[in-house]
């Protein structure tokens, strides 16, 4: 038996153009901007994890591990150049960390340790003191401590194995001590720039207006992304930023529809508007069923047994679907309610939205992931 199904979507559109005003929502300034210079810095270093229970690098296959082990032992006064090192309790790793803004010397930060050789697990190992450098090549922290992977791995004599999590990567909580501070003096700055996470002319202008209402002449919107701040006389930059970041503003932005076709997910913001449109969606299912029949001749007739095909074709069209009409300037809730009234699935909704956009009735940008 063989079946094949074909599904056809029907959409009828009647369009007229009109754009409705956009809705706005208040947000704190600190939630929608980044302050210039107030950011994390990436650190990286190369180190060694020791004390592994036979799950480290194979020195024959990882020459960098052997060289690093020999160099480390020589610095400690042990000569191993003439010997034949054959340990599997050591692993070469990369150590990464994020240096928070305004981190003071002596403070502690978390680090991540990742194997770069053929080590099977870092569980139970100890990271030997490792300098962590920034993009400028300067050392800003030093890491050391016991590695916690949070993973489980086991293997049998027959070669079977099982693992949960990633045993070749782990973390050391408060495993690095900050040795050098980033030279960013916020208190001595005369001006400070804020950067909008979602650039928009209207939002930038709203932020400048709200700040100037509290501190006249203190903010200038230079472009859709940057607003420059200048504290009033007698007010420090830190105190000024503390007051500014808690002010509420009306955010704005272009209407957008985000579509994930693989997962069948549709996300629409509240600014989405459509022109007058009528939508009809229906399903047409065509079923082709093959049922072979055996033709058996009568006894002693010298006939041949044959298989004759029997085909059944059936067409089912879903009934009861009506046009849904949305008036000009319909909001997000009206659009969703109308599509839900048609009984469409998320994947059907994707097709409908793309058709409405192609016809020019959807007043929003569509972003397909």
Protein backbone atom coordinates (compact mmCIF):
# COMPACT_ATOMS: atom_id res chain seq x y z
CA UNK A 1 0.00 0.00 0.00
CA UNK A 2 1.36 3.36 -0.93
CA UNK A 3 0.01 6.73 0.22
CA UNK A 4 1.05 10.22 -0.67
CA UNK A 5 -0.37 13.40 0.77
CA UNK A 6 -0.31 16.85 -0.76
CA UNK A 7 -1.28 19.89 1.25
CA UNK A 8 -2.24 23.15 -0.39
CA UNK A 9 -2.78 26.43 1.46
CA UNK A 10 -5.13 29.04 -0.01
CA UNK A 11 -4.83 32.71 0.94
CA UNK A 12 -6.96 35.55 -0.44
CA UNK A 13 -5.87 39.13 0.27
CA UNK A 14 -7.66 42.50 -0.17
CA UNK A 15 -5.32 45.37 0.70
CA UNK A 16 -5.46 49.13 1.39
CA UNK A 17 -2.54 51.13 2.85
CA UNK A 18 -2.54 53.00 6.15
CA UNK A 19 0.05 53.02 8.95
CA UNK A 20 -1.12 53.28 12.57
CA UNK A 21 0.82 55.09 15.32
CA UNK A 22 3.27 52.97 17.33
CA UNK A 23 2.87 52.01 20.97
CA UNK A 24 5.57 52.83 23.50
CA UNK A 25 6.80 51.30 26.75
CA UNK A 26 8.87 52.85 29.53
CA UNK A 27 12.24 51.38 30.50
CA UNK A 28 15.06 52.41 32.76
CA UNK A 29 18.03 53.93 30.97
CA UNK A 30 20.39 51.39 32.56
CA UNK A 31 18.45 48.56 30.88
CA UNK A 32 18.77 49.86 27.32
CA UNK A 33 22.26 51.42 27.13
CA UNK A 34 25.92 50.57 27.67
CA UNK A 35 28.22 53.13 29.32
CA UNK A 36 31.49 53.85 27.53
CA UNK A 37 34.42 52.02 29.15
CA UNK A 38 32.24 50.20 31.69
CA UNK A 39 32.72 46.69 30.36
CA UNK A 40 34.39 43.34 30.92
CA UNK A 41 37.78 42.43 29.46
CA UNK A 42 38.71 38.98 28.16
CA UNK A 43 41.74 37.22 29.64
CA UNK A 44 43.51 34.08 28.43
CA UNK A 45 46.47 31.97 29.50
CA UNK A 46 48.21 28.64 28.84
CA UNK A 47 48.72 26.31 31.77
CA UNK A 48 49.07 22.78 33.08
CA UNK A 49 46.65 20.64 35.07
CA UNK A 50 48.36 18.00 37.24
CA UNK A 51 47.16 15.24 39.54
CA UNK A 52 44.91 13.50 37.03
CA UNK A 53 44.15 9.83 37.55
CA UNK A 54 45.60 8.55 34.29
CA UNK A 55 43.21 10.66 32.20
CA UNK A 56 45.69 13.29 31.05
CA UNK A 57 47.51 13.84 27.77
CA UNK A 58 49.54 11.11 26.14
CA UNK A 59 53.00 12.70 26.04
CA UNK A 60 53.86 10.88 22.83
CA UNK A 61 50.88 12.43 21.04
CA UNK A 62 51.04 15.84 22.77
CA UNK A 63 54.56 17.28 22.39
CA UNK A 64 53.50 20.65 23.83
CA UNK A 65 52.51 18.92 27.08
CA UNK A 66 55.88 17.18 27.32
CA UNK A 67 57.80 20.39 26.59
CA UNK A 68 55.75 22.37 29.11
CA UNK A 69 56.22 19.70 31.79
CA UNK A 70 59.99 19.62 31.23
CA UNK A 71 60.23 23.42 31.33
CA UNK A 72 58.15 23.63 34.50
CA UNK A 73 60.25 21.01 36.28
CA UNK A 74 63.48 22.72 35.22
CA UNK A 75 62.28 25.98 36.76
CA UNK A 76 61.79 24.00 39.97
CA UNK A 77 65.35 22.62 39.76
CA UNK A 78 64.54 19.16 38.37
CA UNK A 79 66.39 18.00 35.24
CA UNK A 80 64.24 15.68 33.13
CA UNK A 81 65.80 16.24 29.69
CA UNK A 82 67.76 12.97 29.81
CA UNK A 83 64.86 10.92 31.14
CA UNK A 84 61.89 9.35 29.38
CA UNK A 85 58.74 11.01 30.71
CA UNK A 86 55.72 8.77 30.34
CA UNK A 87 53.07 10.26 32.59
CA UNK A 88 49.35 10.45 31.83
CA UNK A 89 48.56 12.54 34.89
CA UNK A 90 49.24 15.92 33.23
CA UNK A 91 47.20 17.88 30.69
CA UNK A 92 47.86 21.09 28.74
CA UNK A 93 44.97 23.54 29.05
CA UNK A 94 43.80 26.98 28.02
CA UNK A 95 42.54 29.14 30.88
CA UNK A 96 40.02 31.90 30.15
CA UNK A 97 38.37 34.49 32.37
CA UNK A 98 36.46 37.78 32.27
CA UNK A 99 37.91 40.74 34.13
CA UNK A 100 34.96 42.80 35.43
CA UNK A 101 34.88 46.56 35.06
CA UNK A 102 36.68 48.37 37.91
CA UNK A 103 38.06 45.09 39.35
CA UNK A 104 40.54 46.01 42.09
CA UNK A 105 43.91 44.35 42.63
CA UNK A 106 43.52 41.43 45.01
CA UNK A 107 39.91 40.64 44.08
CA UNK A 108 39.06 37.15 42.84
CA UNK A 109 37.37 36.07 39.62
CA UNK A 110 36.18 32.73 38.20
CA UNK A 111 38.13 30.96 35.46
CA UNK A 112 37.33 28.30 32.87
CA UNK A 113 39.83 25.54 32.11
CA UNK A 114 39.70 23.63 28.79
CA UNK A 115 41.94 20.78 27.60
CA UNK A 116 43.75 21.25 24.29
CA UNK A 117 45.42 17.82 24.05
CA UNK A 118 44.04 14.30 24.06
CA UNK A 119 43.20 14.25 27.78
CA UNK A 120 40.07 12.24 28.59
CA UNK A 121 39.08 14.12 31.75
CA UNK A 122 40.22 17.00 33.97
CA UNK A 123 38.20 15.78 36.96
CA UNK A 124 40.21 15.92 40.17
CA UNK A 125 43.13 17.83 38.62
CA UNK A 126 44.82 20.96 39.94
CA UNK A 127 45.73 23.92 37.77
CA UNK A 128 49.30 25.11 38.34
CA UNK A 129 49.69 28.89 38.69
CA UNK A 130 48.93 30.40 35.27
CA UNK A 131 49.33 34.08 34.23
CA UNK A 132 46.25 35.50 32.43
CA UNK A 133 46.88 38.22 29.85
CA UNK A 134 44.61 40.69 28.09
CA UNK A 135 44.47 41.70 24.43
CA UNK A 136 47.33 44.15 25.05
CA UNK A 137 49.64 41.35 26.18
CA UNK A 138 49.79 42.56 29.77
CA UNK A 139 49.20 40.15 32.68
CA UNK A 140 46.12 41.12 34.69
CA UNK A 141 45.51 38.03 36.84
CA UNK A 142 47.02 34.73 37.96
CA UNK A 143 44.96 31.52 38.24
CA UNK A 144 45.44 28.36 40.31
CA UNK A 145 43.23 25.82 42.05
CA UNK A 146 41.27 22.56 41.80
CA UNK A 147 39.27 22.01 38.62
CA UNK A 148 35.58 21.10 38.94
CA UNK A 149 34.06 19.68 35.75
CA UNK A 150 30.62 18.62 37.00
CA UNK A 151 30.84 15.70 34.55
CA UNK A 152 30.89 11.93 34.99
CA UNK A 153 32.75 9.46 32.77
CA UNK A 154 33.52 5.76 33.09
CA UNK A 155 34.88 2.99 30.86
CA UNK A 156 35.14 -0.80 31.00
CA UNK A 157 37.85 -3.29 30.06
CA UNK A 158 35.95 -4.21 26.88
CA UNK A 159 36.24 -0.66 25.61
CA UNK A 160 32.69 0.46 26.34
CA UNK A 161 32.37 3.87 27.97
CA UNK A 162 29.78 6.36 29.12
CA UNK A 163 30.01 10.04 29.91
CA UNK A 164 27.67 12.76 31.10
CA UNK A 165 28.62 16.36 30.55
CA UNK A 166 31.99 17.49 29.21
CA UNK A 167 34.82 16.13 31.38
CA UNK A 168 37.54 17.93 29.40
CA UNK A 169 36.40 21.40 30.50
CA UNK A 170 35.76 22.78 33.96
CA UNK A 171 35.69 25.83 36.19
CA UNK A 172 37.55 27.10 39.21
CA UNK A 173 35.35 29.32 41.36
CA UNK A 174 37.31 32.41 42.47
CA UNK A 175 40.32 30.70 40.92
CA UNK A 176 42.19 33.82 39.80
CA UNK A 177 43.52 36.81 41.72
CA UNK A 178 43.55 40.19 39.96
CA UNK A 179 47.12 41.54 39.84
CA UNK A 180 46.65 44.63 37.66
CA UNK A 181 43.76 47.08 37.41
CA UNK A 182 42.43 48.47 34.15
CA UNK A 183 43.36 52.14 33.91
CA UNK A 184 39.89 53.62 33.48
CA UNK A 185 39.28 56.68 35.65
CA UNK A 186 35.54 57.34 35.50
CA UNK A 187 35.54 59.96 38.26
CA UNK A 188 37.97 62.25 36.40
CA UNK A 189 36.11 62.18 33.06
CA UNK A 190 34.39 65.39 31.92
CA UNK A 191 32.09 63.65 29.41
CA UNK A 192 30.75 60.12 29.11
CA UNK A 193 29.05 58.47 26.16
CA UNK A 194 26.13 56.04 26.36
CA UNK A 195 25.52 53.52 23.57
CA UNK A 196 22.02 52.26 22.78
CA UNK A 197 21.78 48.49 22.52
CA UNK A 198 19.06 48.90 19.88
CA UNK A 199 19.89 52.08 17.93
CA UNK A 200 16.90 54.31 17.21
CA UNK A 201 16.54 58.06 16.56
CA UNK A 202 13.39 58.43 18.65
CA UNK A 203 14.75 56.54 21.65
CA UNK A 204 18.00 58.52 21.61
CA UNK A 205 16.04 61.79 21.52
CA UNK A 206 13.75 60.64 24.36
CA UNK A 207 16.76 59.78 26.55
CA UNK A 208 18.35 63.20 25.96
CA UNK A 209 15.04 64.97 26.69
CA UNK A 210 14.45 63.06 29.95
CA UNK A 211 17.98 63.75 31.19
CA UNK A 212 17.85 67.42 30.23
CA UNK A 213 14.52 67.78 32.04
CA UNK A 214 16.29 66.78 35.27
CA UNK A 215 19.72 68.27 34.48
CA UNK A 216 19.38 71.03 31.85
CA UNK A 217 22.02 70.95 29.12
CA UNK A 218 23.60 67.71 30.34
CA UNK A 219 22.79 65.36 27.44
CA UNK A 220 23.14 65.49 23.66
CA UNK A 221 21.94 62.79 21.24
CA UNK A 222 24.74 62.67 18.67
CA UNK A 223 23.20 59.94 16.52
CA UNK A 224 20.76 57.00 16.87
CA UNK A 225 23.33 55.12 18.94
CA UNK A 226 25.31 57.58 21.08
CA UNK A 227 24.17 60.06 23.75
CA UNK A 228 26.91 62.20 25.33
CA UNK A 229 26.61 63.14 29.02
CA UNK A 230 28.21 66.09 30.82
CA UNK A 231 27.56 66.33 34.58
CA UNK A 232 26.36 69.67 36.04
CA UNK A 233 28.86 71.81 37.89
CA UNK A 234 29.71 70.44 41.31
CA UNK A 235 28.38 66.94 40.58
CA UNK A 236 30.83 64.06 40.15
CA UNK A 237 30.52 61.76 37.15
CA UNK A 238 29.78 58.73 39.37
CA UNK A 239 26.97 60.51 41.22
CA UNK A 240 25.59 61.85 37.94
CA UNK A 241 25.54 58.42 36.26
CA UNK A 242 23.86 56.93 39.34
CA UNK A 243 20.95 59.32 38.95
CA UNK A 244 20.77 59.14 35.17
CA UNK A 245 20.67 55.33 34.87
CA UNK A 246 17.50 55.07 36.98
CA UNK A 247 15.45 57.53 34.88
CA UNK A 248 12.60 56.01 32.85
CA UNK A 249 12.18 56.74 29.15
CA UNK A 250 9.82 55.81 26.32
CA UNK A 251 11.57 53.31 24.06
CA UNK A 252 10.79 53.05 20.39
CA UNK A 253 11.94 51.07 17.39
CA UNK A 254 10.89 49.68 14.03
CA UNK A 255 8.13 47.08 13.95
CA UNK A 256 9.59 43.63 13.47
CA UNK A 257 8.42 40.05 13.01
CA UNK A 258 10.98 37.33 13.76
CA UNK A 259 10.39 33.91 12.21
CA UNK A 260 12.20 30.66 12.99
CA UNK A 261 11.07 28.36 10.20
CA UNK A 262 12.88 25.30 11.56
CA UNK A 263 11.14 25.44 14.95
CA UNK A 264 7.91 26.96 13.63
CA UNK A 265 8.16 29.96 15.99
CA UNK A 266 6.76 33.43 15.23
CA UNK A 267 7.53 36.45 17.45
CA UNK A 268 5.91 39.85 16.79
CA UNK A 269 6.47 43.05 18.74
CA UNK A 270 3.62 45.35 19.76
CA UNK A 271 4.36 47.89 16.99
CA UNK A 272 3.31 45.54 14.19
CA UNK A 273 0.43 47.02 12.15
CA UNK A 274 -1.32 45.86 9.01
CA UNK A 275 -3.47 47.55 6.40
CA UNK A 276 -7.01 46.41 5.67
CA UNK A 277 -6.76 42.77 4.67
CA UNK A 278 -9.01 39.73 4.28
CA UNK A 279 -7.47 36.32 4.87
CA UNK A 280 -8.78 32.88 4.00
CA UNK A 281 -6.82 29.74 4.78
CA UNK A 282 -7.91 26.23 3.94
CA UNK A 283 -6.48 22.75 3.59
CA UNK A 284 -6.75 20.49 0.59
CA UNK A 285 -5.63 16.86 1.13
CA UNK A 286 -5.19 14.50 -1.82
CA UNK A 287 -4.84 10.80 -0.91
CA UNK A 288 -3.60 8.27 -3.46
CA UNK A 289 -3.98 4.66 -2.28
CA UNK A 290 -2.51 1.75 -4.23
CA UNK A 291 -4.04 -1.71 -3.51
CA UNK A 292 -2.54 -4.45 -5.72
CA UNK A 293 -4.98 -7.25 -6.72
CA UNK A 294 -3.89 -10.82 -7.56
CA UNK A 295 -5.56 -12.41 -10.60
CA UNK A 296 -5.55 -16.21 -10.20
CA UNK A 297 -6.49 -18.37 -13.25
CA UNK A 298 -8.80 -21.41 -12.91
CA UNK A 299 -7.23 -24.85 -12.48
CA UNK A 300 -5.92 -26.59 -15.65
CA UNK A 301 -6.57 -23.42 -17.71
CA UNK A 302 -2.86 -22.92 -18.47
CA UNK A 303 -3.29 -19.28 -17.44
CA UNK A 304 -0.73 -17.15 -15.56
CA UNK A 305 -1.08 -15.52 -12.16
CA UNK A 306 -0.88 -11.74 -12.53
CA UNK A 307 -0.92 -8.76 -10.20
CA UNK A 308 -3.22 -5.97 -11.34
CA UNK A 309 -2.97 -2.48 -9.81
CA UNK A 310 -6.02 -0.93 -8.15
CA UNK A 311 -5.84 2.81 -7.40
CA UNK A 312 -8.15 4.88 -5.23
CA UNK A 313 -7.89 8.68 -5.33
CA UNK A 314 -9.67 10.74 -2.66
CA UNK A 315 -9.83 14.51 -2.27
CA UNK A 316 -10.73 16.04 1.12
CA UNK A 317 -11.26 19.77 1.41
CA UNK A 318 -11.70 21.26 4.87
CA UNK A 319 -15.03 23.03 5.20
CA UNK A 320 -16.19 25.85 7.39
CA UNK A 321 -13.27 28.25 6.79
CA UNK A 322 -14.32 31.85 6.31
CA UNK A 323 -12.64 35.11 5.44
CA UNK A 324 -11.19 36.99 8.39
CA UNK A 325 -11.17 40.75 7.73
CA UNK A 326 -8.84 43.06 9.67
CA UNK A 327 -9.40 46.78 9.35
CA UNK A 328 -6.69 49.28 8.52
CA UNK A 329 -4.20 49.81 11.36
CA UNK A 330 -5.05 46.54 13.09
CA UNK A 331 -2.85 45.88 16.12
CA UNK A 332 -0.85 42.82 17.10
CA UNK A 333 -3.68 41.42 19.24
CA UNK A 334 -6.15 41.80 16.36
CA UNK A 335 -3.79 40.08 13.94
CA UNK A 336 -3.13 37.15 16.27
CA UNK A 337 -6.83 36.82 17.16
CA UNK A 338 -7.75 36.79 13.49
CA UNK A 339 -5.18 34.12 12.59
CA UNK A 340 -6.18 32.02 15.60
CA UNK A 341 -9.79 32.26 14.49
CA UNK A 342 -8.77 30.54 11.26
CA UNK A 343 -7.30 27.72 13.32
CA UNK A 344 -3.88 28.04 11.72
CA UNK A 345 -0.77 26.38 13.10
CA UNK A 346 2.47 28.35 13.68
CA UNK A 347 3.88 27.06 10.38
CA UNK A 348 0.72 28.13 8.54
CA UNK A 349 1.01 31.52 10.24
CA UNK A 350 4.53 31.90 8.84
CA UNK A 351 3.23 31.39 5.30
CA UNK A 352 0.38 33.84 5.86
CA UNK A 353 2.64 36.56 7.32
CA UNK A 354 5.11 36.23 4.46
CA UNK A 355 2.27 36.48 1.93
CA UNK A 356 0.87 39.58 3.67
CA UNK A 357 4.34 41.17 3.66
CA UNK A 358 4.84 40.34 -0.02
CA UNK A 359 1.53 42.07 -0.78
CA UNK A 360 2.65 45.21 1.08
CA UNK A 361 -0.02 45.01 3.79
CA UNK A 362 2.26 44.17 6.72
CA UNK A 363 3.86 47.35 8.13
CA UNK A 364 6.85 45.64 9.72
CA UNK A 365 10.21 44.11 8.90
CA UNK A 366 10.35 40.31 8.70
CA UNK A 367 13.51 38.64 9.94
CA UNK A 368 13.87 34.95 9.09
CA UNK A 369 16.25 32.98 11.29
